[in-house]
C-alpha atoms as a PDB file:
ATOM      1  CA  UNK A   1     101.006 108.839  61.564  1.00  0.00           C
ATOM      2  CA  UNK A   2      99.222 111.802  60.406  1.00  0.00           C
ATOM      3  CA  UNK A   3      95.588 111.509  59.243  1.00  0.00           C
ATOM      4  CA  UNK A   4      95.131 112.940  55.804  1.00  0.00           C
ATOM      5  CA  UNK A   5      91.952 114.784  55.201  1.00  0.00           C
ATOM      6  CA  UNK A   6      89.727 113.403  52.410  1.00  0.00           C
ATOM      7  CA  UNK A   7      90.605 114.725  49.005  1.00  0.00           C
ATOM      8  CA  UNK A   8      87.062 115.779  48.177  1.00  0.00           C
ATOM      9  CA  UNK A   9      87.028 118.559  50.782  1.00  0.00           C
ATOM     10  CA  UNK A  10      88.190 121.818  49.264  1.00  0.00           C
ATOM     11  CA  UNK A  11      88.937 125.129  50.975  1.00  0.00           C
ATOM     12  CA  UNK A  12      86.494 127.967  50.171  1.00  0.00           C
ATOM     13  CA  UNK A  13      83.280 129.469  51.153  1.00  0.00           C
ATOM     14  CA  UNK A  14      80.115 127.556  51.584  1.00  0.00           C
ATOM     15  CA  UNK A  15      76.864 128.806  50.256  1.00  0.00           C
ATOM     16  CA  UNK A  16      75.616 129.825  53.702  1.00  0.00           C
ATOM     17  CA  UNK A  17      78.594 132.027  54.430  1.00  0.00           C
ATOM     18  CA  UNK A  18      78.169 133.826  51.072  1.00  0.00           C
ATOM     19  CA  UNK A  19      74.449 134.432  51.699  1.00  0.00           C
ATOM     20  CA  UNK A  20      75.052 135.796  55.117  1.00  0.00           C
ATOM     21  CA  UNK A  21      77.755 138.132  53.980  1.00  0.00           C
ATOM     22  CA  UNK A  22      75.600 139.352  51.039  1.00  0.00           C
ATOM     23  CA  UNK A  23      72.676 139.958  53.287  1.00  0.00           C
ATOM     24  CA  UNK A  24      74.866 141.972  55.701  1.00  0.00           C
ATOM     25  CA  UNK A  25      76.170 144.088  52.881  1.00  0.00           C
ATOM     26  CA  UNK A  26      72.728 144.662  51.377  1.00  0.00           C
ATOM     27  CA  UNK A  27      71.324 145.400  54.848  1.00  0.00           C
ATOM     28  CA  UNK A  28      74.052 148.070  55.491  1.00  0.00           C
ATOM     29  CA  UNK A  29      73.412 149.702  52.054  1.00  0.00           C
ATOM     30  CA  UNK A  30      69.608 149.790  52.754  1.00  0.00           C
ATOM     31  CA  UNK A  31      70.168 151.428  56.154  1.00  0.00           C
ATOM     32  CA  UNK A  32      72.466 154.071  54.671  1.00  0.00           C
ATOM     33  CA  UNK A  33      69.932 154.814  51.935  1.00  0.00           C
ATOM     34  CA  UNK A  34      67.154 155.100  54.525  1.00  0.00           C
ATOM     35  CA  UNK A  35      69.179 157.514  56.595  1.00  0.00           C
ATOM     36  CA  UNK A  36      70.066 159.562  53.502  1.00  0.00           C
ATOM     37  CA  UNK A  37      66.453 159.796  52.452  1.00  0.00           C
ATOM     38  CA  UNK A  38      65.369 160.936  55.948  1.00  0.00           C
ATOM     39  CA  UNK A  39      68.044 163.589  55.948  1.00  0.00           C
ATOM     40  CA  UNK A  40      67.029 164.807  52.460  1.00  0.00           C
ATOM     41  CA  UNK A  41      63.365 165.042  53.483  1.00  0.00           C
ATOM     42  CA  UNK A  42      64.207 166.942  56.595  1.00  0.00           C
ATOM     43  CA  UNK A  43      66.448 169.402  54.667  1.00  0.00           C
ATOM     44  CA  UNK A  44      63.608 169.966  52.197  1.00  0.00           C
ATOM     45  CA  UNK A  45      61.098 170.597  55.050  1.00  0.00           C
ATOM     46  CA  UNK A  46      63.498 173.086  56.628  1.00  0.00           C
ATOM     47  CA  UNK A  47      64.007 174.959  53.311  1.00  0.00           C
ATOM     48  CA  UNK A  48      60.212 175.277  52.987  1.00  0.00           C
ATOM     49  CA  UNK A  49      59.768 176.513  56.498  1.00  0.00           C
ATOM     50  CA  UNK A  50      62.615 178.949  56.029  1.00  0.00           C
ATOM     51  CA  UNK A  51      61.126 180.293  52.838  1.00  0.00           C
ATOM     52  CA  UNK A  52      57.703 180.738  54.594  1.00  0.00           C
ATOM     53  CA  UNK A  53      59.289 182.604  57.501  1.00  0.00           C
ATOM     54  CA  UNK A  54      61.186 184.794  55.039  1.00  0.00           C
ATOM     55  CA  UNK A  55      57.920 185.620  53.267  1.00  0.00           C
ATOM     56  CA  UNK A  56      56.196 186.460  56.514  1.00  0.00           C
ATOM     57  CA  UNK A  57      59.059 188.659  57.606  1.00  0.00           C
ATOM     58  CA  UNK A  58      59.104 190.499  54.299  1.00  0.00           C
ATOM     59  CA  UNK A  59      55.353 191.109  54.444  1.00  0.00           C
ATOM     60  CA  UNK A  60      55.649 192.463  58.038  1.00  0.00           C
ATOM     61  CA  UNK A  61      58.598 194.685  57.213  1.00  0.00           C
ATOM     62  CA  UNK A  62      56.880 196.053  54.065  1.00  0.00           C
ATOM     63  CA  UNK A  63      53.698 196.792  55.993  1.00  0.00           C
ATOM     64  CA  UNK A  64      55.720 198.493  58.782  1.00  0.00           C
ATOM     65  CA  UNK A  65      57.617 200.545  56.122  1.00  0.00           C
ATOM     66  CA  UNK A  66      54.334 201.601  54.453  1.00  0.00           C
ATOM     67  CA  UNK A  67      52.806 202.495  57.840  1.00  0.00           C
ATOM     68  CA  UNK A  68      55.774 204.704  58.601  1.00  0.00           C
ATOM     69  CA  UNK A  69      55.539 206.390  55.227  1.00  0.00           C
ATOM     70  CA  UNK A  70      51.902 207.109  55.829  1.00  0.00           C
ATOM     71  CA  UNK A  71      52.671 208.568  59.219  1.00  0.00           C
ATOM     72  CA  UNK A  72      55.412 210.763  57.845  1.00  0.00           C
ATOM     73  CA  UNK A  73      53.272 211.992  54.881  1.00  0.00           C
ATOM     74  CA  UNK A  74      50.330 212.786  57.161  1.00  0.00           C
ATOM     75  CA  UNK A  75      52.531 214.708  59.620  1.00  0.00           C
ATOM     76  CA  UNK A  76      51.649 212.379  62.451  1.00  0.00           C
ATOM     77  CA  UNK A  77      55.208 211.401  63.205  1.00  0.00           C
ATOM     78  CA  UNK A  78      55.608 209.882  66.614  1.00  0.00           C
ATOM     79  CA  UNK A  79      58.786 209.489  68.641  1.00  0.00           C
ATOM     80  CA  UNK A  80      59.382 206.076  67.101  1.00  0.00           C
ATOM     81  CA  UNK A  81      62.548 205.088  65.323  1.00  0.00           C
ATOM     82  CA  UNK A  82      61.955 204.146  61.719  1.00  0.00           C
ATOM     83  CA  UNK A  83      62.143 200.375  61.128  1.00  0.00           C
ATOM     84  CA  UNK A  84      65.028 199.281  59.076  1.00  0.00           C
ATOM     85  CA  UNK A  85      65.002 195.986  57.417  1.00  0.00           C
ATOM     86  CA  UNK A  86      66.967 193.532  59.452  1.00  0.00           C
ATOM     87  CA  UNK A  87      67.932 191.692  56.282  1.00  0.00           C
ATOM     88  CA  UNK A  88      71.025 192.983  54.490  1.00  0.00           C
ATOM     89  CA  UNK A  89      70.480 190.837  51.387  1.00  0.00           C
ATOM     90  CA  UNK A  90      68.026 191.312  48.585  1.00  0.00           C
ATOM     91  CA  UNK A  91      64.675 189.704  48.739  1.00  0.00           C
ATOM     92  CA  UNK A  92      64.613 186.390  46.894  1.00  0.00           C
ATOM     93  CA  UNK A  93      61.639 184.788  45.279  1.00  0.00           C
ATOM     94  CA  UNK A  94      60.068 182.065  47.346  1.00  0.00           C
ATOM     95  CA  UNK A  95      60.461 179.524  44.606  1.00  0.00           C
ATOM     96  CA  UNK A  96      64.206 180.255  44.096  1.00  0.00           C
ATOM     97  CA  UNK A  97      66.782 179.028  46.460  1.00  0.00           C
ATOM     98  CA  UNK A  98      69.257 181.594  47.939  1.00  0.00           C
ATOM     99  CA  UNK A  99      72.132 179.488  46.643  1.00  0.00           C
ATOM    100  CA  UNK A 100      72.098 178.787  42.941  1.00  0.00           C
ATOM    101  CA  UNK A 101      74.054 175.470  42.936  1.00  0.00           C
ATOM    102  CA  UNK A 102      72.011 173.905  45.690  1.00  0.00           C
ATOM    103  CA  UNK A 103      70.884 170.300  45.213  1.00  0.00           C
END
Protein backbone atom coordinates (compact mmCIF):
# COMPACT_ATOMS: atom_id res chain seq x y z
CA UNK A 1 0.00 0.00 0.00
CA UNK A 2 1.01 3.49 -0.75
CA UNK A 3 1.11 6.04 1.99
CA UNK A 4 -0.99 9.05 1.08
CA UNK A 5 0.40 12.42 2.15
CA UNK A 6 -1.79 14.41 4.49
CA UNK A 7 -4.32 16.58 2.69
CA UNK A 8 -3.40 19.79 4.51
CA UNK A 9 0.09 19.95 2.88
CA UNK A 10 -0.06 21.99 -0.30
CA UNK A 11 2.59 22.54 -2.94
CA UNK A 12 4.02 26.06 -3.14
CA UNK A 13 6.62 28.35 -1.69
CA UNK A 14 7.13 28.87 1.96
CA UNK A 15 7.67 32.31 3.40
CA UNK A 16 11.37 31.71 4.00
CA UNK A 17 11.98 30.84 0.33
CA UNK A 18 10.15 33.98 -0.81
CA UNK A 19 12.12 36.18 1.59
CA UNK A 20 15.46 34.67 0.51
CA UNK A 21 14.69 35.10 -3.18
CA UNK A 22 13.50 38.68 -2.67
CA UNK A 23 16.63 39.55 -0.71
CA UNK A 24 18.83 38.10 -3.46
CA UNK A 25 17.02 40.14 -6.11
CA UNK A 26 17.20 43.35 -4.07
CA UNK A 27 20.86 42.71 -3.27
CA UNK A 28 21.64 42.26 -6.96
CA UNK A 29 19.86 45.47 -7.87
CA UNK A 30 21.65 47.40 -5.12
CA UNK A 31 25.02 46.11 -6.31
CA UNK A 32 24.27 47.16 -9.89
CA UNK A 33 23.17 50.63 -8.75
CA UNK A 34 26.34 50.99 -6.69
CA UNK A 35 28.51 50.03 -9.66
CA UNK A 36 26.63 52.44 -11.96
CA UNK A 37 27.02 55.32 -9.51
CA UNK A 38 30.74 54.64 -9.19
CA UNK A 39 31.17 54.65 -12.97
CA UNK A 40 29.13 57.85 -13.31
CA UNK A 41 31.25 59.57 -10.64
CA UNK A 42 34.47 58.46 -12.31
CA UNK A 43 33.23 59.66 -15.72
CA UNK A 44 32.38 63.07 -14.24
CA UNK A 45 35.80 63.35 -12.62
CA UNK A 46 37.51 62.43 -15.89
CA UNK A 47 35.50 65.05 -17.79
CA UNK A 48 36.46 67.73 -15.27
CA UNK A 49 40.13 66.73 -15.48
CA UNK A 50 40.01 66.72 -19.29
CA UNK A 51 38.45 70.18 -19.27
CA UNK A 52 41.17 71.49 -16.93
CA UNK A 53 43.93 70.00 -19.10
CA UNK A 54 42.33 71.52 -22.20
CA UNK A 55 42.26 74.95 -20.51
CA UNK A 56 45.92 74.66 -19.50
CA UNK A 57 46.88 73.61 -23.02
CA UNK A 58 44.97 76.54 -24.51
CA UNK A 59 46.63 79.02 -22.17
CA UNK A 60 50.08 77.64 -22.99
CA UNK A 61 49.47 77.64 -26.75
CA UNK A 62 48.05 81.16 -26.66
CA UNK A 63 51.05 82.42 -24.68
CA UNK A 64 53.45 80.74 -27.11
CA UNK A 65 51.59 82.25 -30.05
CA UNK A 66 51.72 85.72 -28.45
CA UNK A 67 55.42 85.30 -27.69
CA UNK A 68 56.13 84.34 -31.29
CA UNK A 69 54.16 87.35 -32.54
CA UNK A 70 56.18 89.66 -30.24
CA UNK A 71 59.43 88.15 -31.53
CA UNK A 72 58.35 88.56 -35.13
CA UNK A 73 57.21 92.17 -34.65
CA UNK A 74 60.41 93.13 -32.81
CA UNK A 75 62.60 91.55 -35.48
CA UNK A 76 64.17 89.13 -33.04
CA UNK A 77 63.21 86.06 -34.98
CA UNK A 78 65.18 83.04 -33.95
CA UNK A 79 65.64 79.83 -35.84
CA UNK A 80 62.62 78.32 -34.21
CA UNK A 81 59.68 76.88 -35.98
CA UNK A 82 56.47 78.63 -35.17
CA UNK A 83 54.24 76.65 -32.90
CA UNK A 84 51.04 75.49 -34.46
CA UNK A 85 48.16 74.46 -32.32
CA UNK A 86 48.08 70.71 -31.99
CA UNK A 87 44.31 70.87 -31.72
CA UNK A 88 42.44 70.81 -35.00
CA UNK A 89 39.07 71.54 -33.42
CA UNK A 90 37.74 74.83 -32.19
CA UNK A 91 38.21 75.86 -28.58
CA UNK A 92 35.16 74.96 -26.49
CA UNK A 93 34.10 76.70 -23.35
CA UNK A 94 35.07 74.87 -20.19
CA UNK A 95 31.48 74.68 -19.01
CA UNK A 96 30.17 73.22 -22.28
CA UNK A 97 30.76 69.58 -23.17
CA UNK A 98 32.33 68.86 -26.54
CA UNK A 99 29.40 66.58 -27.41
CA UNK A 100 26.00 68.27 -27.20
CA UNK A 101 23.87 65.21 -26.45
CA UNK A 102 26.09 63.96 -23.64
CA UNK A 103 24.38 62.79 -20.45
